[in-house]
Amino acid sequence: MGNRPQDAVVLIPSLEPDKRLPRYVEALLEKGFEHIVVVDDGSGPDYRRIFDDLAAMPGCEVARHEVNRGKGAALKTGYALIAERFPACIGVITADADGQHTVADVWRLAEAVS
């Protein structure tokens, strides 16, 4: 059986996201992605509900930094989680928490690595 686009994992580092992030993750899941990893890079208690809601979505895992460590550290945390939890994934596609990268574009990247 060949690789499928949905075998890629989407990694989203996030600091103090707004309501667009849950909608974006839902849209990625609806498109067919099976695994999304979001890293809360020390957003603080005011944002806890957003990350809790994401963690409750089937197919979405949330890793958390207690304090802001920067986007590079958030990506490293996400890559480590993906290597541990999804070692058979065909690739990792990073996306921004504000939806800058469209769902269609993320899917096209997944198709390119499948």
PDB file of N, CA and C in Angstrom:
ATOM      1  N   MET A   1       0.841  -1.184   0.000  1.00  0.00           N
ATOM      2  CA  MET A   1       0.000   0.000   0.000  1.00  0.00           C
ATOM      3  C   MET A   1       0.884   1.244   0.000  1.00  0.00           C
ATOM      4  N   GLY A   2       0.599   2.204  -0.852  1.00  0.00           N
ATOM      5  CA  GLY A   2       1.404   3.414  -0.965  1.00  0.00           C
ATOM      6  C   GLY A   2       1.100   4.420   0.118  1.00  0.00           C
ATOM      7  N   ASN A   3       1.933   5.419   0.145  1.00  0.00           N
ATOM      8  CA  ASN A   3       1.716   6.513   1.090  1.00  0.00           C
ATOM      9  C   ASN A   3       0.525   7.354   0.663  1.00  0.00           C
ATOM     10  N   ARG A   4      -0.133   7.929   1.653  1.00  0.00           N
ATOM     11  CA  ARG A   4      -1.282   8.798   1.395  1.00  0.00           C
ATOM     12  C   ARG A   4      -0.992  10.168   1.989  1.00  0.00           C
ATOM     13  N   PRO A   5      -1.554  11.231   1.427  1.00  0.00           N
ATOM     14  CA  PRO A   5      -1.325  12.566   1.992  1.00  0.00           C
ATOM     15  C   PRO A   5      -1.669  12.652   3.479  1.00  0.00           C
ATOM     16  N   GLN A   6      -2.718  11.962   3.896  1.00  0.00           N
ATOM     17  CA  GLN A   6      -3.136  12.027   5.294  1.00  0.00           C
ATOM     18  C   GLN A   6      -2.156  11.326   6.230  1.00  0.00           C
ATOM     19  N   ASP A   7      -1.130  10.648   5.665  1.00  0.00           N
ATOM     20  CA  ASP A   7      -0.094  10.026   6.482  1.00  0.00           C
ATOM     21  C   ASP A   7       0.967  11.037   6.920  1.00  0.00           C
ATOM     22  N   ALA A   8       0.874  12.251   6.431  1.00  0.00           N
ATOM     23  CA  ALA A   8       1.754  13.329   6.904  1.00  0.00           C
ATOM     24  C   ALA A   8       1.155  13.896   8.194  1.00  0.00           C
ATOM     25  N   VAL A   9       2.007  14.439   9.035  1.00  0.00           N
ATOM     26  CA  VAL A   9       1.562  15.072  10.271  1.00  0.00           C
ATOM     27  C   VAL A   9       1.719  16.580  10.110  1.00  0.00           C
ATOM     28  N   VAL A  10       0.713  17.325  10.540  1.00  0.00           N
ATOM     29  CA  VAL A  10       0.773  18.786  10.504  1.00  0.00           C
ATOM     30  C   VAL A  10       1.209  19.263  11.887  1.00  0.00           C
ATOM     31  N   LEU A  11       2.253  20.087  11.914  1.00  0.00           N
ATOM     32  CA  LEU A  11       2.800  20.625  13.152  1.00  0.00           C
ATOM     33  C   LEU A  11       2.556  22.130  13.196  1.00  0.00           C
ATOM     34  N   ILE A  12       1.905  22.578  14.278  1.00  0.00           N
ATOM     35  CA  ILE A  12       1.562  23.994  14.412  1.00  0.00           C
ATOM     36  C   ILE A  12       2.100  24.526  15.738  1.00  0.00           C
ATOM     37  N   PRO A  13       3.207  25.303  15.703  1.00  0.00           N
ATOM     38  CA  PRO A  13       3.648  25.973  16.927  1.00  0.00           C
ATOM     39  C   PRO A  13       2.753  27.189  17.162  1.00  0.00           C
ATOM     40  N   SER A  14       2.435  27.461  18.418  1.00  0.00           N
ATOM     41  CA  SER A  14       1.469  28.528  18.664  1.00  0.00           C
ATOM     42  C   SER A  14       1.784  29.285  19.949  1.00  0.00           C
ATOM     43  N   LEU A  15       1.672  30.592  19.858  1.00  0.00           N
ATOM     44  CA  LEU A  15       1.806  31.471  21.013  1.00  0.00           C
ATOM     45  C   LEU A  15       0.612  32.422  21.011  1.00  0.00           C
ATOM     46  N   GLU A  16      -0.172  32.343  22.058  1.00  0.00           N
ATOM     47  CA  GLU A  16      -1.321  33.228  22.246  1.00  0.00           C
ATOM     48  C   GLU A  16      -2.242  33.279  21.022  1.00  0.00           C
ATOM     49  N   PRO A  17      -2.776  32.120  20.636  1.00  0.00           N
ATOM     50  CA  PRO A  17      -3.643  32.071  19.447  1.00  0.00           C
ATOM     51  C   PRO A  17      -5.014  32.683  19.711  1.00  0.00           C
ATOM     52  N   ASP A  18      -5.672  33.009  18.610  1.00  0.00           N
ATOM     53  CA  ASP A  18      -7.055  33.467  18.729  1.00  0.00           C
ATOM     54  C   ASP A  18      -7.974  32.341  18.265  1.00  0.00           C
ATOM     55  N   LYS A  19      -9.234  32.648  18.077  1.00  0.00           N
ATOM     56  CA  LYS A  19     -10.238  31.627  17.752  1.00  0.00           C
ATOM     57  C   LYS A  19     -10.050  31.009  16.369  1.00  0.00           C
ATOM     58  N   ARG A  20      -9.167  31.588  15.562  1.00  0.00           N
ATOM     59  CA  ARG A  20      -8.921  31.009  14.242  1.00  0.00           C
ATOM     60  C   ARG A  20      -8.249  29.644  14.338  1.00  0.00           C
ATOM     61  N   LEU A  21      -7.431  29.435  15.370  1.00  0.00           N
ATOM     62  CA  LEU A  21      -6.680  28.186  15.453  1.00  0.00           C
ATOM     63  C   LEU A  21      -7.591  26.961  15.553  1.00  0.00           C
ATOM     64  N   PRO A  22      -8.562  26.916  16.458  1.00  0.00           N
ATOM     65  CA  PRO A  22      -9.438  25.731  16.478  1.00  0.00           C
ATOM     66  C   PRO A  22     -10.180  25.518  15.158  1.00  0.00           C
ATOM     67  N   ARG A  23     -10.630  26.583  14.529  1.00  0.00           N
ATOM     68  CA  ARG A  23     -11.317  26.446  13.238  1.00  0.00           C
ATOM     69  C   ARG A  23     -10.363  25.889  12.168  1.00  0.00           C
ATOM     70  N   TYR A  24      -9.127  26.356  12.206  1.00  0.00           N
ATOM     71  CA  TYR A  24      -8.117  25.902  11.255  1.00  0.00           C
ATOM     72  C   TYR A  24      -7.830  24.407  11.452  1.00  0.00           C
ATOM     73  N   VAL A  25      -7.646  23.993  12.690  1.00  0.00           N
ATOM     74  CA  VAL A  25      -7.389  22.582  12.985  1.00  0.00           C
ATOM     75  C   VAL A  25      -8.587  21.736  12.560  1.00  0.00           C
ATOM     76  N   GLU A  26      -9.793  22.183  12.840  1.00  0.00           N
ATOM     77  CA  GLU A  26     -10.989  21.458  12.400  1.00  0.00           C
ATOM     78  C   GLU A  26     -11.001  21.303  10.887  1.00  0.00           C
ATOM     79  N   ALA A  27     -10.651  22.363  10.170  1.00  0.00           N
ATOM     80  CA  ALA A  27     -10.637  22.314   8.707  1.00  0.00           C
ATOM     81  C   ALA A  27      -9.578  21.331   8.195  1.00  0.00           C
ATOM     82  N   LEU A  28      -8.422  21.278   8.847  1.00  0.00           N
ATOM     83  CA  LEU A  28      -7.383  20.318   8.464  1.00  0.00           C
ATOM     84  C   LEU A  28      -7.870  18.891   8.688  1.00  0.00           C
ATOM     85  N   LEU A  29      -8.526  18.662   9.809  1.00  0.00           N
ATOM     86  CA  LEU A  29      -9.060  17.328  10.100  1.00  0.00           C
ATOM     87  C   LEU A  29     -10.153  16.957   9.103  1.00  0.00           C
ATOM     88  N   GLU A  30     -11.020  17.906   8.782  1.00  0.00           N
ATOM     89  CA  GLU A  30     -12.090  17.651   7.816  1.00  0.00           C
ATOM     90  C   GLU A  30     -11.527  17.347   6.436  1.00  0.00           C
ATOM     91  N   LYS A  31     -10.394  17.957   6.088  1.00  0.00           N
ATOM     92  CA  LYS A  31      -9.764  17.706   4.790  1.00  0.00           C
ATOM     93  C   LYS A  31      -9.254  16.280   4.705  1.00  0.00           C
ATOM     94  N   GLY A  32      -8.910  15.697   5.851  1.00  0.00           N
ATOM     95  CA  GLY A  32      -8.460  14.311   5.843  1.00  0.00           C
ATOM     96  C   GLY A  32      -7.199  14.034   6.638  1.00  0.00           C
ATOM     97  N   PHE A  33      -6.554  15.073   7.150  1.00  0.00           N
ATOM     98  CA  PHE A  33      -5.378  14.825   7.975  1.00  0.00           C
ATOM     99  C   PHE A  33      -5.794  14.044   9.213  1.00  0.00           C
ATOM    100  N   GLU A  34      -4.995  13.056   9.574  1.00  0.00           N
ATOM    101  CA  GLU A  34      -5.321  12.203  10.708  1.00  0.00           C
ATOM    102  C   GLU A  34      -4.579  12.592  11.977  1.00  0.00           C
ATOM    103  N   HIS A  35      -3.457  13.316  11.828  1.00  0.00           N
ATOM    104  CA  HIS A  35      -2.646  13.683  12.992  1.00  0.00           C
ATOM    105  C   HIS A  35      -2.179  15.126  12.880  1.00  0.00           C
ATOM    106  N   ILE A  36      -2.558  15.905  13.874  1.00  0.00           N
ATOM    107  CA  ILE A  36      -2.118  17.291  13.971  1.00  0.00           C
ATOM    108  C   ILE A  36      -1.519  17.463  15.356  1.00  0.00           C
ATOM    109  N   VAL A  37      -0.347  18.081  15.402  1.00  0.00           N
ATOM    110  CA  VAL A  37       0.325  18.366  16.666  1.00  0.00           C
ATOM    111  C   VAL A  37       0.418  19.876  16.804  1.00  0.00           C
ATOM    112  N   VAL A  38      -0.114  20.384  17.913  1.00  0.00           N
ATOM    113  CA  VAL A  38      -0.047  21.811  18.224  1.00  0.00           C
ATOM    114  C   VAL A  38       0.841  21.962  19.454  1.00  0.00           C
ATOM    115  N   VAL A  39       1.763  22.909  19.406  1.00  0.00           N
ATOM    116  CA  VAL A  39       2.623  23.179  20.549  1.00  0.00           C
ATOM    117  C   VAL A  39       2.266  24.545  21.114  1.00  0.00           C
ATOM    118  N   ASP A  40       1.801  24.550  22.346  1.00  0.00           N
ATOM    119  CA  ASP A  40       1.525  25.783  23.089  1.00  0.00           C
ATOM    120  C   ASP A  40       2.863  26.261  23.642  1.00  0.00           C
ATOM    121  N   ASP A  41       3.372  27.336  23.086  1.00  0.00           N
ATOM    122  CA  ASP A  41       4.684  27.833  23.490  1.00  0.00           C
ATOM    123  C   ASP A  41       4.578  28.844  24.626  1.00  0.00           C
ATOM    124  N   GLY A  42       3.974  28.413  25.738  1.00  0.00           N
ATOM    125  CA  GLY A  42       3.914  29.256  26.929  1.00  0.00           C
ATOM    126  C   GLY A  42       2.896  30.377  26.847  1.00  0.00           C
ATOM    127  N   SER A  43       1.754  30.100  26.258  1.00  0.00           N
ATOM    128  CA  SER A  43       0.741  31.139  26.063  1.00  0.00           C
ATOM    129  C   SER A  43       0.121  31.647  27.361  1.00  0.00           C
ATOM    130  N   GLY A  44       0.135  30.850  28.405  1.00  0.00           N
ATOM    131  CA  GLY A  44      -0.414  31.296  29.685  1.00  0.00           C
ATOM    132  C   GLY A  44      -1.856  30.901  29.885  1.00  0.00           C
ATOM    133  N   PRO A  45      -2.360  31.167  31.100  1.00  0.00           N
ATOM    134  CA  PRO A  45      -3.692  30.696  31.490  1.00  0.00           C
ATOM    135  C   PRO A  45      -4.838  31.306  30.685  1.00  0.00           C
ATOM    136  N   ASP A  46      -4.666  32.500  30.144  1.00  0.00           N
ATOM    137  CA  ASP A  46      -5.739  33.111  29.361  1.00  0.00           C
ATOM    138  C   ASP A  46      -6.053  32.327  28.088  1.00  0.00           C
ATOM    139  N   TYR A  47      -5.140  31.462  27.666  1.00  0.00           N
ATOM    140  CA  TYR A  47      -5.295  30.711  26.418  1.00  0.00           C
ATOM    141  C   TYR A  47      -5.514  29.222  26.665  1.00  0.00           C
ATOM    142  N   ARG A  48      -5.576  28.842  27.911  1.00  0.00           N
ATOM    143  CA  ARG A  48      -5.678  27.426  28.268  1.00  0.00           C
ATOM    144  C   ARG A  48      -6.886  26.763  27.610  1.00  0.00           C
ATOM    145  N   ARG A  49      -8.014  27.438  27.600  1.00  0.00           N
ATOM    146  CA  ARG A  49      -9.232  26.837  27.040  1.00  0.00           C
ATOM    147  C   ARG A  49      -9.067  26.494  25.564  1.00  0.00           C
ATOM    148  N   ILE A  50      -8.426  27.372  24.809  1.00  0.00           N
ATOM    149  CA  ILE A  50      -8.217  27.090  23.386  1.00  0.00           C
ATOM    150  C   ILE A  50      -7.435  25.786  23.231  1.00  0.00           C
ATOM    151  N   PHE A  51      -6.356  25.641  24.006  1.00  0.00           N
ATOM    152  CA  PHE A  51      -5.531  24.437  23.886  1.00  0.00           C
ATOM    153  C   PHE A  51      -6.237  23.207  24.440  1.00  0.00           C
ATOM    154  N   ASP A  52      -7.023  23.380  25.489  1.00  0.00           N
ATOM    155  CA  ASP A  52      -7.809  22.257  26.006  1.00  0.00           C
ATOM    156  C   ASP A  52      -8.826  21.788  24.966  1.00  0.00           C
ATOM    157  N   ASP A  53      -9.473  22.739  24.283  1.00  0.00           N
ATOM    158  CA  ASP A  53     -10.432  22.385  23.230  1.00  0.00           C
ATOM    159  C   ASP A  53      -9.729  21.645  22.092  1.00  0.00           C
ATOM    160  N   LEU A  54      -8.531  22.091  21.734  1.00  0.00           N
ATOM    161  CA  LEU A  54      -7.774  21.409  20.686  1.00  0.00           C
ATOM    162  C   LEU A  54      -7.409  19.993  21.113  1.00  0.00           C
ATOM    163  N   ALA A  55      -6.951  19.845  22.341  1.00  0.00           N
ATOM    164  CA  ALA A  55      -6.546  18.529  22.846  1.00  0.00           C
ATOM    165  C   ALA A  55      -7.720  17.554  22.886  1.00  0.00           C
ATOM    166  N   ALA A  56      -8.926  18.074  22.987  1.00  0.00           N
ATOM    167  CA  ALA A  56     -10.117  17.227  23.026  1.00  0.00           C
ATOM    168  C   ALA A  56     -10.544  16.755  21.633  1.00  0.00           C
ATOM    169  N   MET A  57     -10.000  17.352  20.578  1.00  0.00           N
ATOM    170  CA  MET A  57     -10.360  16.965  19.212  1.00  0.00           C
ATOM    171  C   MET A  57      -9.666  15.657  18.849  1.00  0.00           C
ATOM    172  N   PRO A  58     -10.420  14.674  18.377  1.00  0.00           N
ATOM    173  CA  PRO A  58      -9.776  13.447  17.897  1.00  0.00           C
ATOM    174  C   PRO A  58      -8.831  13.773  16.747  1.00  0.00           C
ATOM    175  N   GLY A  59      -7.600  13.302  16.853  1.00  0.00           N
ATOM    176  CA  GLY A  59      -6.611  13.564  15.804  1.00  0.00           C
ATOM    177  C   GLY A  59      -5.682  14.720  16.113  1.00  0.00           C
ATOM    178  N   CYS A  60      -5.936  15.441  17.186  1.00  0.00           N
ATOM    179  CA  CYS A  60      -5.095  16.582  17.547  1.00  0.00           C
ATOM    180  C   CYS A  60      -4.449  16.341  18.903  1.00  0.00           C
ATOM    181  N   GLU A  61      -3.139  16.496  18.943  1.00  0.00           N
ATOM    182  CA  GLU A  61      -2.406  16.383  20.200  1.00  0.00           C
ATOM    183  C   GLU A  61      -1.769  17.722  20.511  1.00  0.00           C
ATOM    184  N   VAL A  62      -1.727  18.056  21.788  1.00  0.00           N
ATOM    185  CA  VAL A  62      -1.164  19.328  22.219  1.00  0.00           C
ATOM    186  C   VAL A  62       0.002  19.069  23.169  1.00  0.00           C
ATOM    187  N   ALA A  63       1.129  19.682  22.869  1.00  0.00           N
ATOM    188  CA  ALA A  63       2.279  19.702  23.775  1.00  0.00           C
ATOM    189  C   ALA A  63       2.355  21.116  24.331  1.00  0.00           C
ATOM    190  N   ARG A  64       2.855  21.248  25.547  1.00  0.00           N
ATOM    191  CA  ARG A  64       2.862  22.570  26.187  1.00  0.00           C
ATOM    192  C   ARG A  64       4.221  22.919  26.764  1.00  0.00           C
ATOM    193  N   HIS A  65       4.591  24.171  26.553  1.00  0.00           N
ATOM    194  CA  HIS A  65       5.737  24.759  27.248  1.00  0.00           C
ATOM    195  C   HIS A  65       5.157  25.639  28.348  1.00  0.00           C
ATOM    196  N   GLU A  66       5.700  25.547  29.533  1.00  0.00           N
ATOM    197  CA  GLU A  66       5.212  26.378  30.650  1.00  0.00           C
ATOM    198  C   GLU A  66       5.507  27.852  30.430  1.00  0.00           C
ATOM    199  N   VAL A  67       6.632  28.140  29.780  1.00  0.00           N
ATOM    200  CA  VAL A  67       6.999  29.521  29.464  1.00  0.00           C
ATOM    201  C   VAL A  67       7.363  29.573  27.981  1.00  0.00           C
ATOM    202  N   ASN A  68       7.309  30.751  27.420  1.00  0.00           N
ATOM    203  CA  ASN A  68       7.652  30.942  26.015  1.00  0.00           C
ATOM    204  C   ASN A  68       9.132  30.633  25.803  1.00  0.00           C
ATOM    205  N   ARG A  69       9.401  29.714  24.902  1.00  0.00           N
ATOM    206  CA  ARG A  69      10.783  29.329  24.603  1.00  0.00           C
ATOM    207  C   ARG A  69      11.159  29.661  23.162  1.00  0.00           C
ATOM    208  N   GLY A  70      10.223  30.189  22.401  1.00  0.00           N
ATOM    209  CA  GLY A  70      10.505  30.566  21.026  1.00  0.00           C
ATOM    210  C   GLY A  70      10.031  29.526  20.024  1.00  0.00           C
ATOM    211  N   LYS A  71       9.838  29.995  18.799  1.00  0.00           N
ATOM    212  CA  LYS A  71       9.287  29.133  17.753  1.00  0.00           C
ATOM    213  C   LYS A  71      10.199  27.940  17.463  1.00  0.00           C
ATOM    214  N   GLY A  72      11.504  28.152  17.477  1.00  0.00           N
ATOM    215  CA  GLY A  72      12.431  27.054  17.223  1.00  0.00           C
ATOM    216  C   GLY A  72      12.276  25.943  18.249  1.00  0.00           C
ATOM    217  N   ALA A  73      12.174  26.315  19.516  1.00  0.00           N
ATOM    218  CA  ALA A  73      11.997  25.319  20.578  1.00  0.00           C
ATOM    219  C   ALA A  73      10.647  24.625  20.443  1.00  0.00           C
ATOM    220  N   ALA A  74       9.615  25.375  20.066  1.00  0.00           N
ATOM    221  CA  ALA A  74       8.295  24.777  19.874  1.00  0.00           C
ATOM    222  C   ALA A  74       8.333  23.756  18.731  1.00  0.00           C
ATOM    223  N   LEU A  75       9.029  24.084  17.668  1.00  0.00           N
ATOM    224  CA  LEU A  75       9.158  23.131  16.563  1.00  0.00           C
ATOM    225  C   LEU A  75       9.918  21.883  17.015  1.00  0.00           C
ATOM    226  N   LYS A  76      11.008  22.057  17.760  1.00  0.00           N
ATOM    227  CA  LYS A  76      11.766  20.903  18.260  1.00  0.00           C
ATOM    228  C   LYS A  76      10.898  20.013  19.141  1.00  0.00           C
ATOM    229  N   THR A  77      10.097  20.629  20.009  1.00  0.00           N
ATOM    230  CA  THR A  77       9.190  19.858  20.858  1.00  0.00           C
ATOM    231  C   THR A  77       8.207  19.073  19.999  1.00  0.00           C
ATOM    232  N   GLY A  78       7.658  19.720  18.986  1.00  0.00           N
ATOM    233  CA  GLY A  78       6.706  19.048  18.099  1.00  0.00           C
ATOM    234  C   GLY A  78       7.341  17.912  17.326  1.00  0.00           C
ATOM    235  N   TYR A  79       8.542  18.131  16.792  1.00  0.00           N
ATOM    236  CA  TYR A  79       9.228  17.070  16.053  1.00  0.00           C
ATOM    237  C   TYR A  79       9.527  15.874  16.959  1.00  0.00           C
ATOM    238  N   ALA A  80       9.926  16.143  18.197  1.00  0.00           N
ATOM    239  CA  ALA A  80      10.211  15.053  19.134  1.00  0.00           C
ATOM    240  C   ALA A  80       8.947  14.250  19.429  1.00  0.00           C
ATOM    241  N   LEU A  81       7.826  14.940  19.640  1.00  0.00           N
ATOM    242  CA  LEU A  81       6.566  14.249  19.901  1.00  0.00           C
ATOM    243  C   LEU A  81       6.162  13.408  18.695  1.00  0.00           C
ATOM    244  N   ILE A  82       6.325  13.965  17.510  1.00  0.00           N
ATOM    245  CA  ILE A  82       5.955  13.242  16.288  1.00  0.00           C
ATOM    246  C   ILE A  82       6.838  12.012  16.108  1.00  0.00           C
ATOM    247  N   ALA A  83       8.129  12.144  16.353  1.00  0.00           N
ATOM    248  CA  ALA A  83       9.036  10.998  16.216  1.00  0.00           C
ATOM    249  C   ALA A  83       8.657   9.880  17.179  1.00  0.00           C
ATOM    250  N   GLU A  84       8.217  10.264  18.361  1.00  0.00           N
ATOM    251  CA  GLU A  84       7.827   9.271  19.365  1.00  0.00           C
ATOM    252  C   GLU A  84       6.472   8.635  19.061  1.00  0.00           C
ATOM    253  N   ARG A  85       5.498   9.470  18.725  1.00  0.00           N
ATOM    254  CA  ARG A  85       4.110   8.985  18.582  1.00  0.00           C
ATOM    255  C   ARG A  85       3.764   8.501  17.175  1.00  0.00           C
ATOM    256  N   PHE A  86       4.407   9.082  16.158  1.00  0.00           N
ATOM    257  CA  PHE A  86       4.039   8.765  14.772  1.00  0.00           C
ATOM    258  C   PHE A  86       5.285   8.447  13.933  1.00  0.00           C
ATOM    259  N   PRO A  87       6.056   7.441  14.336  1.00  0.00           N
ATOM    260  CA  PRO A  87       7.307   7.166  13.632  1.00  0.00           C
ATOM    261  C   PRO A  87       7.119   6.751  12.168  1.00  0.00           C
ATOM    262  N   ALA A  88       5.947   6.294  11.799  1.00  0.00           N
ATOM    263  CA  ALA A  88       5.704   5.861  10.420  1.00  0.00           C
ATOM    264  C   ALA A  88       5.165   6.981   9.535  1.00  0.00           C
ATOM    265  N   CYS A  89       5.067   8.192  10.055  1.00  0.00           N
ATOM    266  CA  CYS A  89       4.529   9.279   9.220  1.00  0.00           C
ATOM    267  C   CYS A  89       5.455   9.510   8.028  1.00  0.00           C
ATOM    268  N   ILE A  90       4.878   9.950   6.940  1.00  0.00           N
ATOM    269  CA  ILE A  90       5.654  10.135   5.713  1.00  0.00           C
ATOM    270  C   ILE A  90       6.360  11.477   5.666  1.00  0.00           C
ATOM    271  N   GLY A  91       6.006  12.378   6.556  1.00  0.00           N
ATOM    272  CA  GLY A  91       6.622  13.695   6.604  1.00  0.00           C
ATOM    273  C   GLY A  91       5.876  14.590   7.568  1.00  0.00           C
ATOM    274  N   VAL A  92       6.476  15.729   7.835  1.00  0.00           N
ATOM    275  CA  VAL A  92       5.885  16.719   8.728  1.00  0.00           C
ATOM    276  C   VAL A  92       5.734  18.010   7.955  1.00  0.00           C
ATOM    277  N   ILE A  93       4.556  18.593   8.047  1.00  0.00           N
ATOM    278  CA  ILE A  93       4.286  19.878   7.405  1.00  0.00           C
ATOM    279  C   ILE A  93       4.019  20.883   8.504  1.00  0.00           C
ATOM    280  N   THR A  94       4.803  21.951   8.533  1.00  0.00           N
ATOM    281  CA  THR A  94       4.585  22.978   9.542  1.00  0.00           C
ATOM    282  C   THR A  94       3.637  24.041   8.989  1.00  0.00           C
ATOM    283  N   ALA A  95       2.820  24.559   9.871  1.00  0.00           N
ATOM    284  CA  ALA A  95       1.856  25.594   9.492  1.00  0.00           C
ATOM    285  C   ALA A  95       1.772  26.608  10.614  1.00  0.00           C
ATOM    286  N   ASP A  96       1.339  27.803  10.291  1.00  0.00           N
ATOM    287  CA  ASP A  96       1.191  28.848  11.291  1.00  0.00           C
ATOM    288  C   ASP A  96      -0.182  28.794  11.941  1.00  0.00           C
ATOM    289  N   ALA A  97      -0.229  29.202  13.199  1.00  0.00           N
ATOM    290  CA  ALA A  97      -1.468  29.135  13.980  1.00  0.00           C
ATOM    291  C   ALA A  97      -2.530  30.125  13.524  1.00  0.00           C
ATOM    292  N   ASP A  98      -2.150  31.115  12.733  1.00  0.00           N
ATOM    293  CA  ASP A  98      -3.120  32.117  12.304  1.00  0.00           C
ATOM    294  C   ASP A  98      -3.798  31.750  10.987  1.00  0.00           C
ATOM    295  N   GLY A  99      -3.501  30.555  10.468  1.00  0.00           N
ATOM    296  CA  GLY A  99      -4.141  30.126   9.227  1.00  0.00           C
ATOM    297  C   GLY A  99      -3.518  30.718   7.983  1.00  0.00           C
ATOM    298  N   GLN A 100      -2.315  31.270   8.119  1.00  0.00           N
ATOM    299  CA  GLN A 100      -1.621  31.871   6.982  1.00  0.00           C
ATOM    300  C   GLN A 100      -1.478  30.883   5.829  1.00  0.00           C
ATOM    301  N   HIS A 101      -1.261  29.625   6.177  1.00  0.00           N
ATOM    302  CA  HIS A 101      -1.135  28.571   5.169  1.00  0.00           C
ATOM    303  C   HIS A 101      -2.513  27.930   4.987  1.00  0.00           C
ATOM    304  N   THR A 102      -3.041  28.027   3.792  1.00  0.00           N
ATOM    305  CA  THR A 102      -4.388  27.505   3.573  1.00  0.00           C
ATOM    306  C   THR A 102      -4.408  25.983   3.710  1.00  0.00           C
ATOM    307  N   VAL A 103      -5.565  25.467   4.030  1.00  0.00           N
ATOM    308  CA  VAL A 103      -5.738  24.019   4.134  1.00  0.00           C
ATOM    309  C   VAL A 103      -5.396  23.367   2.795  1.00  0.00           C
ATOM    310  N   ALA A 104      -5.822  23.979   1.705  1.00  0.00           N
ATOM    311  CA  ALA A 104      -5.532  23.430   0.372  1.00  0.00           C
ATOM    312  C   ALA A 104      -4.030  23.388   0.121  1.00  0.00           C
ATOM    313  N   ASP A 105      -3.297  24.413   0.532  1.00  0.00           N
ATOM    314  CA  ASP A 105      -1.846  24.422   0.339  1.00  0.00           C
ATOM    315  C   ASP A 105      -1.165  23.354   1.187  1.00  0.00           C
ATOM    316  N   VAL A 106      -1.604  23.189   2.421  1.00  0.00           N
ATOM    317  CA  VAL A 106      -1.040  22.164   3.295  1.00  0.00           C
ATOM    318  C   VAL A 106      -1.296  20.786   2.692  1.00  0.00           C
ATOM    319  N   TRP A 107      -2.490  20.573   2.163  1.00  0.00           N
ATOM    320  CA  TRP A 107      -2.817  19.293   1.533  1.00  0.00           C
ATOM    321  C   TRP A 107      -1.929  19.053   0.305  1.00  0.00           C
ATOM    322  N   ARG A 108      -1.710  20.097  -0.495  1.00  0.00           N
ATOM    323  CA  ARG A 108      -0.842  19.944  -1.670  1.00  0.00           C
ATOM    324  C   ARG A 108       0.579  19.542  -1.262  1.00  0.00           C
ATOM    325  N   LEU A 109       1.077  20.109  -0.176  1.00  0.00           N
ATOM    326  CA  LEU A 109       2.394  19.705   0.319  1.00  0.00           C
ATOM    327  C   LEU A 109       2.373  18.233   0.751  1.00  0.00           C
ATOM    328  N   ALA A 110       1.315  17.829   1.416  1.00  0.00           N
ATOM    329  CA  ALA A 110       1.211  16.423   1.818  1.00  0.00           C
ATOM    330  C   ALA A 110       1.159  15.500   0.607  1.00  0.00           C
ATOM    331  N   GLU A 111       0.467  15.926  -0.426  1.00  0.00           N
ATOM    332  CA  GLU A 111       0.438  15.126  -1.647  1.00  0.00           C
ATOM    333  C   GLU A 111       1.827  15.021  -2.262  1.00  0.00           C
ATOM    334  N   ALA A 112       2.606  16.082  -2.174  1.00  0.00           N
ATOM    335  CA  ALA A 112       3.941  16.084  -2.767  1.00  0.00           C
ATOM    336  C   ALA A 112       4.891  15.119  -2.059  1.00  0.00           C
ATOM    337  N   VAL A 113       4.673  14.900  -0.755  1.00  0.00           N
ATOM    338  CA  VAL A 113       5.563  13.986  -0.029  1.00  0.00           C
ATOM    339  C   VAL A 113       5.019  12.571   0.015  1.00  0.00           C
ATOM    340  N   SER A 114       3.814  12.368  -0.478  1.00  0.00           N
ATOM    341  CA  SER A 114       3.239  11.009  -0.418  1.00  0.00           C
ATOM    342  C   SER A 114       3.608  10.187  -1.640  1.00  0.00           C
TER     343      SER A 114
END
